[in-house]
Amino acid sequence: MRFDIEALGNLLVLYGIKFVVALVVAVIGWSVAGLASRMLRRLLLSTPGTDATVASFLSSLGRYAILVVAFLVILQFVGIQATSLVAVLGAVSLAIGLALQGTLSNMAAGVMLLLFRPFRLGDVIEVAGKSGTVRDLNLFMTELAGGDNVQVLIPNGQVWGSALTNFSAYPTRSVTINVPIPLDAPVDDIAAHARSFALKDPRTLKSPPPAVTLTSLGEKTVGISVLAWSHSEDAGGLRADLMRELLSRIRSASGQDAEAAHPLGA
């Protein structure tokens, strides 16, 4: 009985030491993986001609590679031989593939996004029903910052498999505003004012010049369309200012400003 207790104690000490060593290796591997990922990202970004999206993806790939190596080292300390592990993984590869098919598809989609690069970090995109500024592309996820600066994480498989709109792909964008105007309002004056306002705005490109056209005719309104071109980053501000100016001009022409100032006719 005494021998059995001593043997049990020896086993506990032996496996306890192995567990502590494995835990230390895991902590070191996790820290080294994070440090190596950051260093690789800085190195790639400092290399001329390296795209930020590529740097982000490769640094993420390097981090996971180091974690896999650390996992194999831990198995060696525990007593599981790498050759035995390979044999076991080969036997259950089909089950693992079925269980992780979503994760594997996200990894494959991440590689395709890296190769074809339909967007870059900092681009404003709309994909899978979400829109925002691209902040990161890693091995499994694409990170967007929404319009209200909320983090949006989309699996790479959904990004690759969905129609994607990149608002930053081209340097210029068209700004189009369709507005109905009452028939009794001076339509020509309003249209001329809209074109003049667009021409004077420094964000409007001079070529092609702004254009204002009549688009529809109803029983009480006539529709006009204002088209102007600007740099992609100025399109949102120019559209908002054009709409505000048109609304003010239409209200002024129809006498609504006076009614708003004296709602009771006093």
C-alpha atoms as a PDB file:
ATOM      1  CA  MET A   1       0.000   0.000   0.000  1.00  0.00           C
ATOM      2  CA  ARG A   2       2.874   2.302   0.827  1.00  0.00           C
ATOM      3  CA  PHE A   3       4.439   1.582  -2.560  1.00  0.00           C
ATOM      4  CA  ASP A   4       1.212   2.468  -4.353  1.00  0.00           C
ATOM      5  CA  ILE A   5       0.972   5.790  -2.508  1.00  0.00           C
ATOM      6  CA  GLU A   6       4.542   6.638  -3.372  1.00  0.00           C
ATOM      7  CA  ALA A   7       3.966   5.701  -7.028  1.00  0.00           C
ATOM      8  CA  LEU A   8       0.842   7.844  -7.105  1.00  0.00           C
ATOM      9  CA  GLY A   9       2.764  10.719  -5.567  1.00  0.00           C
ATOM     10  CA  ASN A  10       5.508  10.363  -8.127  1.00  0.00           C
ATOM     11  CA  LEU A  11       2.947  10.373 -10.956  1.00  0.00           C
ATOM     12  CA  LEU A  12       1.291  13.487  -9.551  1.00  0.00           C
ATOM     13  CA  VAL A  13       4.628  15.252  -9.292  1.00  0.00           C
ATOM     14  CA  LEU A  14       5.636  14.180 -12.802  1.00  0.00           C
ATOM     15  CA  TYR A  15       2.398  15.229 -14.482  1.00  0.00           C
ATOM     16  CA  GLY A  16       2.169  18.302 -12.303  1.00  0.00           C
ATOM     17  CA  ILE A  17       5.541  19.439 -13.584  1.00  0.00           C
ATOM     18  CA  LYS A  18       4.449  18.679 -17.156  1.00  0.00           C
ATOM     19  CA  PHE A  19       1.248  20.647 -16.639  1.00  0.00           C
ATOM     20  CA  VAL A  20       3.134  23.651 -15.259  1.00  0.00           C
ATOM     21  CA  VAL A  21       5.635  23.530 -18.138  1.00  0.00           C
ATOM     22  CA  ALA A  22       2.799  23.247 -20.661  1.00  0.00           C
ATOM     23  CA  LEU A  23       1.049  26.222 -19.058  1.00  0.00           C
ATOM     24  CA  VAL A  24       4.244  28.285 -19.170  1.00  0.00           C
ATOM     25  CA  VAL A  25       4.786  27.358 -22.830  1.00  0.00           C
ATOM     26  CA  ALA A  26       1.177  28.336 -23.598  1.00  0.00           C
ATOM     27  CA  VAL A  27       1.577  31.744 -21.955  1.00  0.00           C
ATOM     28  CA  ILE A  28       4.919  32.351 -23.668  1.00  0.00           C
ATOM     29  CA  GLY A  29       3.541  31.176 -27.021  1.00  0.00           C
ATOM     30  CA  TRP A  30       0.524  33.486 -26.717  1.00  0.00           C
ATOM     31  CA  SER A  31       2.725  36.465 -25.840  1.00  0.00           C
ATOM     32  CA  VAL A  32       5.271  35.734 -28.560  1.00  0.00           C
ATOM     33  CA  ALA A  33       2.504  35.301 -31.126  1.00  0.00           C
ATOM     34  CA  GLY A  34       1.035  38.718 -30.300  1.00  0.00           C
ATOM     35  CA  LEU A  35       4.456  40.398 -30.261  1.00  0.00           C
ATOM     36  CA  ALA A  36       5.517  38.767 -33.539  1.00  0.00           C
ATOM     37  CA  SER A  37       2.230  39.770 -35.170  1.00  0.00           C
ATOM     38  CA  ARG A  38       2.708  43.420 -34.214  1.00  0.00           C
ATOM     39  CA  MET A  39       6.359  43.445 -35.277  1.00  0.00           C
ATOM     40  CA  LEU A  40       5.552  41.782 -38.616  1.00  0.00           C
ATOM     41  CA  ARG A  41       2.783  44.306 -39.246  1.00  0.00           C
ATOM     42  CA  ARG A  42       5.129  47.237 -38.549  1.00  0.00           C
ATOM     43  CA  LEU A  43       7.831  45.702 -40.745  1.00  0.00           C
ATOM     44  CA  LEU A  44       5.443  45.176 -43.653  1.00  0.00           C
ATOM     45  CA  LEU A  45       3.962  48.661 -43.335  1.00  0.00           C
ATOM     46  CA  SER A  46       7.455  50.165 -43.347  1.00  0.00           C
ATOM     47  CA  THR A  47       8.292  48.313 -46.571  1.00  0.00           C
ATOM     48  CA  PRO A  48       7.611  50.521 -49.630  1.00  0.00           C
ATOM     49  CA  GLY A  49       4.807  49.255 -51.845  1.00  0.00           C
ATOM     50  CA  THR A  50       3.194  47.010 -49.202  1.00  0.00           C
ATOM     51  CA  ASP A  51      -0.556  47.490 -48.919  1.00  0.00           C
ATOM     52  CA  ALA A  52      -1.996  47.897 -45.426  1.00  0.00           C
ATOM     53  CA  THR A  53      -4.572  45.163 -46.102  1.00  0.00           C
ATOM     54  CA  VAL A  54      -1.803  42.689 -46.984  1.00  0.00           C
ATOM     55  CA  ALA A  55       0.150  43.660 -43.869  1.00  0.00           C
ATOM     56  CA  SER A  56      -2.882  43.108 -41.655  1.00  0.00           C
ATOM     57  CA  PHE A  57      -3.693  39.727 -43.168  1.00  0.00           C
ATOM     58  CA  LEU A  58      -0.109  38.366 -43.118  1.00  0.00           C
ATOM     59  CA  SER A  59       0.455  39.509 -39.529  1.00  0.00           C
ATOM     60  CA  SER A  60      -2.722  37.678 -38.527  1.00  0.00           C
ATOM     61  CA  LEU A  61      -1.546  34.574 -40.408  1.00  0.00           C
ATOM     62  CA  GLY A  62       1.857  34.707 -38.668  1.00  0.00           C
ATOM     63  CA  ARG A  63       0.184  34.940 -35.256  1.00  0.00           C
ATOM     64  CA  TYR A  64      -1.870  31.801 -35.812  1.00  0.00           C
ATOM     65  CA  ALA A  65       1.153  29.934 -37.196  1.00  0.00           C
ATOM     66  CA  ILE A  66       3.105  30.613 -33.986  1.00  0.00           C
ATOM     67  CA  LEU A  67       0.140  29.492 -31.893  1.00  0.00           C
ATOM     68  CA  VAL A  68       0.034  26.188 -33.817  1.00  0.00           C
ATOM     69  CA  VAL A  69       3.762  25.645 -33.170  1.00  0.00           C
ATOM     70  CA  ALA A  70       3.254  26.379 -29.462  1.00  0.00           C
ATOM     71  CA  PHE A  71       0.400  23.859 -29.385  1.00  0.00           C
ATOM     72  CA  LEU A  72       2.628  21.159 -30.903  1.00  0.00           C
ATOM     73  CA  VAL A  73       5.372  21.920 -28.360  1.00  0.00           C
ATOM     74  CA  ILE A  74       2.853  21.572 -25.526  1.00  0.00           C
ATOM     75  CA  LEU A  75       1.808  18.177 -26.866  1.00  0.00           C
ATOM     76  CA  GLN A  76       5.441  17.088 -26.828  1.00  0.00           C
ATOM     77  CA  PHE A  77       5.780  18.081 -23.152  1.00  0.00           C
ATOM     78  CA  VAL A  78       2.567  16.301 -22.242  1.00  0.00           C
ATOM     79  CA  GLY A  79       3.898  13.151 -23.894  1.00  0.00           C
ATOM     80  CA  ILE A  80       1.941  12.999 -27.127  1.00  0.00           C
ATOM     81  CA  GLN A  81       4.304  12.418 -30.030  1.00  0.00           C
ATOM     82  CA  ALA A  82       3.889  14.545 -33.141  1.00  0.00           C
ATOM     83  CA  THR A  83       3.851  11.446 -35.365  1.00  0.00           C
ATOM     84  CA  SER A  84       1.009   9.979 -33.342  1.00  0.00           C
ATOM     85  CA  LEU A  85      -0.817  13.277 -33.519  1.00  0.00           C
ATOM     86  CA  VAL A  86      -0.492  13.380 -37.314  1.00  0.00           C
ATOM     87  CA  ALA A  87      -1.890   9.856 -37.546  1.00  0.00           C
ATOM     88  CA  VAL A  88      -4.838  10.755 -35.320  1.00  0.00           C
ATOM     89  CA  LEU A  89      -5.519  13.939 -37.263  1.00  0.00           C
ATOM     90  CA  GLY A  90      -5.396  12.005 -40.507  1.00  0.00           C
ATOM     91  CA  ALA A  91      -7.960   9.532 -39.202  1.00  0.00           C
ATOM     92  CA  VAL A  92     -10.399  12.219 -38.061  1.00  0.00           C
ATOM     93  CA  SER A  93      -9.690  14.779 -40.790  1.00  0.00           C
ATOM     94  CA  LEU A  94     -13.109  14.271 -42.362  1.00  0.00           C
ATOM     95  CA  ALA A  95     -14.895  14.895 -39.061  1.00  0.00           C
ATOM     96  CA  ILE A  96     -12.782  17.985 -38.381  1.00  0.00           C
ATOM     97  CA  GLY A  97     -13.449  19.292 -41.889  1.00  0.00           C
ATOM     98  CA  LEU A  98     -17.201  18.892 -41.447  1.00  0.00           C
ATOM     99  CA  ALA A  99     -17.156  20.479 -37.998  1.00  0.00           C
ATOM    100  CA  LEU A 100     -15.029  23.422 -39.085  1.00  0.00           C
ATOM    101  CA  GLN A 101     -16.307  23.902 -42.609  1.00  0.00           C
ATOM    102  CA  GLY A 102     -17.554  27.396 -41.785  1.00  0.00           C
ATOM    103  CA  THR A 103     -14.217  28.399 -40.274  1.00  0.00           C
ATOM    104  CA  LEU A 104     -12.263  26.854 -43.155  1.00  0.00           C
ATOM    105  CA  SER A 105     -14.458  28.633 -45.695  1.00  0.00           C
ATOM    106  CA  ASN A 106     -13.797  31.937 -43.908  1.00  0.00           C
ATOM    107  CA  MET A 107     -10.052  31.262 -44.101  1.00  0.00           C
ATOM    108  CA  ALA A 108     -10.284  30.464 -47.816  1.00  0.00           C
ATOM    109  CA  ALA A 109     -12.389  33.570 -48.391  1.00  0.00           C
ATOM    110  CA  GLY A 110      -9.814  35.651 -46.517  1.00  0.00           C
ATOM    111  CA  VAL A 111      -7.097  34.393 -48.852  1.00  0.00           C
ATOM    112  CA  MET A 112      -9.237  35.258 -51.889  1.00  0.00           C
ATOM    113  CA  LEU A 113      -9.935  38.744 -50.518  1.00  0.00           C
ATOM    114  CA  LEU A 114      -6.205  39.211 -50.016  1.00  0.00           C
ATOM    115  CA  LEU A 115      -5.377  38.069 -53.544  1.00  0.00           C
ATOM    116  CA  PHE A 116      -8.031  40.054 -55.408  1.00  0.00           C
ATOM    117  CA  ARG A 117      -8.247  42.960 -52.934  1.00  0.00           C
ATOM    118  CA  PRO A 118     -11.698  44.372 -53.759  1.00  0.00           C
ATOM    119  CA  PHE A 119     -11.119  46.894 -50.951  1.00  0.00           C
ATOM    120  CA  ARG A 120      -8.306  48.343 -48.874  1.00  0.00           C
ATOM    121  CA  LEU A 121      -8.054  49.552 -45.312  1.00  0.00           C
ATOM    122  CA  GLY A 122      -9.787  52.903 -45.025  1.00  0.00           C
ATOM    123  CA  ASP A 123     -12.225  52.280 -47.898  1.00  0.00           C
ATOM    124  CA  VAL A 124     -15.925  52.863 -47.322  1.00  0.00           C
ATOM    125  CA  ILE A 125     -17.836  49.758 -48.427  1.00  0.00           C
ATOM    126  CA  GLU A 126     -21.277  48.173 -48.230  1.00  0.00           C
ATOM    127  CA  VAL A 127     -21.461  44.380 -48.040  1.00  0.00           C
ATOM    128  CA  ALA A 128     -23.762  41.737 -46.553  1.00  0.00           C
ATOM    129  CA  GLY A 129     -26.252  44.422 -45.555  1.00  0.00           C
ATOM    130  CA  LYS A 130     -23.653  46.370 -43.561  1.00  0.00           C
ATOM    131  CA  SER A 131     -21.725  49.518 -44.437  1.00  0.00           C
ATOM    132  CA  GLY A 132     -18.764  51.318 -42.933  1.00  0.00           C
ATOM    133  CA  THR A 133     -15.057  52.025 -43.157  1.00  0.00           C
ATOM    134  CA  VAL A 134     -12.737  49.010 -43.413  1.00  0.00           C
ATOM    135  CA  ARG A 135     -10.555  48.809 -40.294  1.00  0.00           C
ATOM    136  CA  ASP A 136      -9.053  45.337 -40.529  1.00  0.00           C
ATOM    137  CA  LEU A 137      -8.937  42.121 -42.567  1.00  0.00           C
ATOM    138  CA  ASN A 138      -7.673  39.091 -40.654  1.00  0.00           C
ATOM    139  CA  LEU A 139      -7.762  35.353 -41.220  1.00  0.00           C
ATOM    140  CA  PHE A 140     -11.436  34.959 -40.308  1.00  0.00           C
ATOM    141  CA  MET A 141     -13.143  38.349 -40.069  1.00  0.00           C
ATOM    142  CA  THR A 142     -13.474  41.684 -41.846  1.00  0.00           C
ATOM    143  CA  GLU A 143     -13.854  44.582 -39.423  1.00  0.00           C
ATOM    144  CA  LEU A 144     -15.828  47.706 -40.330  1.00  0.00           C
ATOM    145  CA  ALA A 145     -16.411  50.911 -38.400  1.00  0.00           C
ATOM    146  CA  GLY A 146     -20.042  51.924 -38.911  1.00  0.00           C
ATOM    147  CA  GLY A 147     -21.236  55.466 -39.488  1.00  0.00           C
ATOM    148  CA  ASP A 148     -21.743  55.895 -35.722  1.00  0.00           C
ATOM    149  CA  ASN A 149     -18.263  54.399 -35.083  1.00  0.00           C
ATOM    150  CA  VAL A 150     -19.694  51.049 -33.986  1.00  0.00           C
ATOM    151  CA  GLN A 151     -17.570  47.969 -34.629  1.00  0.00           C
ATOM    152  CA  VAL A 152     -19.055  45.622 -37.249  1.00  0.00           C
ATOM    153  CA  LEU A 153     -17.489  42.157 -37.678  1.00  0.00           C
ATOM    154  CA  ILE A 154     -18.403  40.187 -40.802  1.00  0.00           C
ATOM    155  CA  PRO A 155     -17.130  36.641 -41.511  1.00  0.00           C
ATOM    156  CA  ASN A 156     -14.913  36.609 -44.590  1.00  0.00           C
ATOM    157  CA  GLY A 157     -17.153  34.003 -46.216  1.00  0.00           C
ATOM    158  CA  GLN A 158     -20.078  36.438 -46.241  1.00  0.00           C
ATOM    159  CA  VAL A 159     -17.883  39.251 -47.581  1.00  0.00           C
ATOM    160  CA  TRP A 160     -16.534  37.134 -50.431  1.00  0.00           C
ATOM    161  CA  GLY A 161     -19.914  35.591 -51.269  1.00  0.00           C
ATOM    162  CA  SER A 162     -21.946  38.831 -51.321  1.00  0.00           C
ATOM    163  CA  ALA A 163     -22.237  41.733 -53.725  1.00  0.00           C
ATOM    164  CA  LEU A 164     -19.860  44.447 -52.532  1.00  0.00           C
ATOM    165  CA  THR A 165     -20.090  48.197 -53.134  1.00  0.00           C
ATOM    166  CA  ASN A 166     -16.852  50.126 -52.675  1.00  0.00           C
ATOM    167  CA  PHE A 167     -17.557  53.845 -52.415  1.00  0.00           C
ATOM    168  CA  SER A 168     -13.836  54.654 -52.290  1.00  0.00           C
ATOM    169  CA  ALA A 169     -12.656  52.615 -55.284  1.00  0.00           C
ATOM    170  CA  TYR A 170     -12.645  55.567 -57.696  1.00  0.00           C
ATOM    171  CA  PRO A 171     -11.316  59.055 -56.970  1.00  0.00           C
ATOM    172  CA  THR A 172     -14.498  60.842 -58.097  1.00  0.00           C
ATOM    173  CA  ARG A 173     -18.224  60.281 -57.560  1.00  0.00           C
ATOM    174  CA  SER A 174     -21.404  61.762 -58.930  1.00  0.00           C
ATOM    175  CA  VAL A 175     -23.857  63.543 -56.634  1.00  0.00           C
ATOM    176  CA  THR A 176     -27.435  63.329 -57.847  1.00  0.00           C
ATOM    177  CA  ILE A 177     -30.434  64.979 -56.178  1.00  0.00           C
ATOM    178  CA  ASN A 178     -34.027  64.599 -57.400  1.00  0.00           C
ATOM    179  CA  VAL A 179     -36.428  67.236 -56.078  1.00  0.00           C
ATOM    180  CA  PRO A 180     -40.145  67.877 -56.769  1.00  0.00           C
ATOM    181  CA  ILE A 181     -41.043  71.570 -57.184  1.00  0.00           C
ATOM    182  CA  PRO A 182     -44.576  73.028 -57.119  1.00  0.00           C
ATOM    183  CA  LEU A 183     -45.845  74.049 -60.547  1.00  0.00           C
ATOM    184  CA  ASP A 184     -46.602  77.580 -59.360  1.00  0.00           C
ATOM    185  CA  ALA A 185     -42.965  78.080 -58.268  1.00  0.00           C
ATOM    186  CA  PRO A 186     -40.366  79.654 -60.605  1.00  0.00           C
ATOM    187  CA  VAL A 187     -38.873  76.351 -61.752  1.00  0.00           C
ATOM    188  CA  ASP A 188     -36.342  77.916 -64.132  1.00  0.00           C
ATOM    189  CA  ASP A 189     -35.031  80.279 -61.449  1.00  0.00           C
ATOM    190  CA  ILE A 190     -34.687  77.468 -58.929  1.00  0.00           C
ATOM    191  CA  ALA A 191     -32.885  75.271 -61.454  1.00  0.00           C
ATOM    192  CA  ALA A 192     -30.530  78.095 -62.405  1.00  0.00           C
ATOM    193  CA  HIS A 193     -29.828  78.833 -58.742  1.00  0.00           C
ATOM    194  CA  ALA A 194     -29.063  75.159 -58.059  1.00  0.00           C
ATOM    195  CA  ARG A 195     -26.604  75.029 -60.950  1.00  0.00           C
ATOM    196  CA  SER A 196     -24.984  78.306 -59.896  1.00  0.00           C
ATOM    197  CA  PHE A 197     -24.639  77.098 -56.299  1.00  0.00           C
ATOM    198  CA  ALA A 198     -23.023  73.841 -57.456  1.00  0.00           C
ATOM    199  CA  LEU A 199     -20.624  75.709 -59.734  1.00  0.00           C
ATOM    200  CA  LYS A 200     -19.480  78.062 -56.957  1.00  0.00           C
ATOM    201  CA  ASP A 201     -18.935  75.272 -54.424  1.00  0.00           C
ATOM    202  CA  PRO A 202     -15.179  74.459 -54.323  1.00  0.00           C
ATOM    203  CA  ARG A 203     -15.920  70.764 -53.859  1.00  0.00           C
ATOM    204  CA  THR A 204     -17.622  70.562 -57.264  1.00  0.00           C
ATOM    205  CA  LEU A 205     -15.421  69.455 -60.154  1.00  0.00           C
ATOM    206  CA  LYS A 206     -15.488  71.767 -63.149  1.00  0.00           C
ATOM    207  CA  SER A 207     -15.303  68.906 -65.639  1.00  0.00           C
ATOM    208  CA  PRO A 208     -17.826  67.564 -66.240  1.00  0.00           C
ATOM    209  CA  PRO A 209     -19.801  70.662 -65.210  1.00  0.00           C
ATOM    210  CA  PRO A 210     -22.955  70.459 -63.044  1.00  0.00           C
ATOM    211  CA  ALA A 211     -26.201  69.832 -64.890  1.00  0.00           C
ATOM    212  CA  VAL A 212     -29.847  70.464 -63.970  1.00  0.00           C
ATOM    213  CA  THR A 213     -32.586  68.711 -65.949  1.00  0.00           C
ATOM    214  CA  LEU A 214     -36.359  68.291 -65.753  1.00  0.00           C
ATOM    215  CA  THR A 215     -37.208  64.669 -65.010  1.00  0.00           C
ATOM    216  CA  SER A 216     -40.952  64.406 -64.465  1.00  0.00           C
ATOM    217  CA  LEU A 217     -44.218  66.320 -64.657  1.00  0.00           C
ATOM    218  CA  GLY A 218     -47.075  65.684 -62.271  1.00  0.00           C
ATOM    219  CA  GLU A 219     -50.407  67.300 -61.557  1.00  0.00           C
ATOM    220  CA  LYS A 220     -48.983  69.682 -58.978  1.00  0.00           C
ATOM    221  CA  THR A 221     -45.212  69.310 -59.188  1.00  0.00           C
ATOM    222  CA  VAL A 222     -42.391  69.123 -61.668  1.00  0.00           C
ATOM    223  CA  GLY A 223     -39.289  67.104 -60.877  1.00  0.00           C
ATOM    224  CA  ILE A 224     -35.768  68.393 -61.409  1.00  0.00           C
ATOM    225  CA  SER A 225     -32.505  66.491 -61.139  1.00  0.00           C
ATOM    226  CA  VAL A 226     -29.237  68.123 -60.078  1.00  0.00           C
ATOM    227  CA  LEU A 227     -26.074  66.274 -61.091  1.00  0.00           C
ATOM    228  CA  ALA A 228     -22.572  67.289 -59.972  1.00  0.00           C
ATOM    229  CA  TRP A 229     -19.217  65.522 -59.666  1.00  0.00           C
ATOM    230  CA  SER A 230     -16.816  65.729 -56.745  1.00  0.00           C
ATOM    231  CA  HIS A 231     -13.973  63.846 -55.122  1.00  0.00           C
ATOM    232  CA  SER A 232     -15.211  60.725 -53.308  1.00  0.00           C
ATOM    233  CA  GLU A 233     -14.475  62.091 -49.846  1.00  0.00           C
ATOM    234  CA  ASP A 234     -16.465  65.300 -50.572  1.00  0.00           C
ATOM    235  CA  ALA A 235     -19.568  63.662 -52.047  1.00  0.00           C
ATOM    236  CA  GLY A 236     -21.517  63.360 -48.792  1.00  0.00           C
ATOM    237  CA  GLY A 237     -20.963  66.963 -47.721  1.00  0.00           C
ATOM    238  CA  LEU A 238     -21.741  68.345 -51.164  1.00  0.00           C
ATOM    239  CA  ARG A 239     -24.984  66.367 -51.375  1.00  0.00           C
ATOM    240  CA  ALA A 240     -26.145  67.614 -47.968  1.00  0.00           C
ATOM    241  CA  ASP A 241     -25.388  71.257 -48.791  1.00  0.00           C
ATOM    242  CA  LEU A 242     -27.097  71.037 -52.189  1.00  0.00           C
ATOM    243  CA  MET A 243     -30.233  69.582 -50.627  1.00  0.00           C
ATOM    244  CA  ARG A 244     -30.244  72.249 -47.918  1.00  0.00           C
ATOM    245  CA  GLU A 245     -29.821  75.062 -50.455  1.00  0.00           C
ATOM    246  CA  LEU A 246     -32.531  73.677 -52.742  1.00  0.00           C
ATOM    247  CA  LEU A 247     -34.969  73.298 -49.862  1.00  0.00           C
ATOM    248  CA  SER A 248     -34.313  76.868 -48.722  1.00  0.00           C
ATOM    249  CA  ARG A 249     -34.769  78.196 -52.272  1.00  0.00           C
ATOM    250  CA  ILE A 250     -38.020  76.307 -52.832  1.00  0.00           C
ATOM    251  CA  ARG A 251     -39.469  77.493 -49.521  1.00  0.00           C
ATOM    252  CA  SER A 252     -38.452  81.056 -50.271  1.00  0.00           C
ATOM    253  CA  ALA A 253     -39.984  80.925 -53.758  1.00  0.00           C
ATOM    254  CA  SER A 254     -43.284  79.476 -52.525  1.00  0.00           C
ATOM    255  CA  GLY A 255     -43.607  81.926 -49.632  1.00  0.00           C
ATOM    256  CA  GLN A 256     -43.292  79.289 -46.921  1.00  0.00           C
ATOM    257  CA  ASP A 257     -40.642  81.287 -45.094  1.00  0.00           C
ATOM    258  CA  ALA A 258     -43.111  84.101 -44.525  1.00  0.00           C
ATOM    259  CA  GLU A 259     -45.778  81.691 -43.302  1.00  0.00           C
ATOM    260  CA  ALA A 260     -43.291  80.067 -40.940  1.00  0.00           C
ATOM    261  CA  ALA A 261     -42.335  83.478 -39.556  1.00  0.00           C
ATOM    262  CA  HIS A 262     -46.041  84.475 -38.996  1.00  0.00           C
ATOM    263  CA  PRO A 263     -47.983  81.227 -38.515  1.00  0.00           C
ATOM    264  CA  LEU A 264     -51.131  83.028 -37.304  1.00  0.00           C
ATOM    265  CA  GLY A 265     -51.054  85.711 -39.983  1.00  0.00           C
ATOM    266  CA  ALA A 266     -50.260  88.422 -37.382  1.00  0.00           C
END
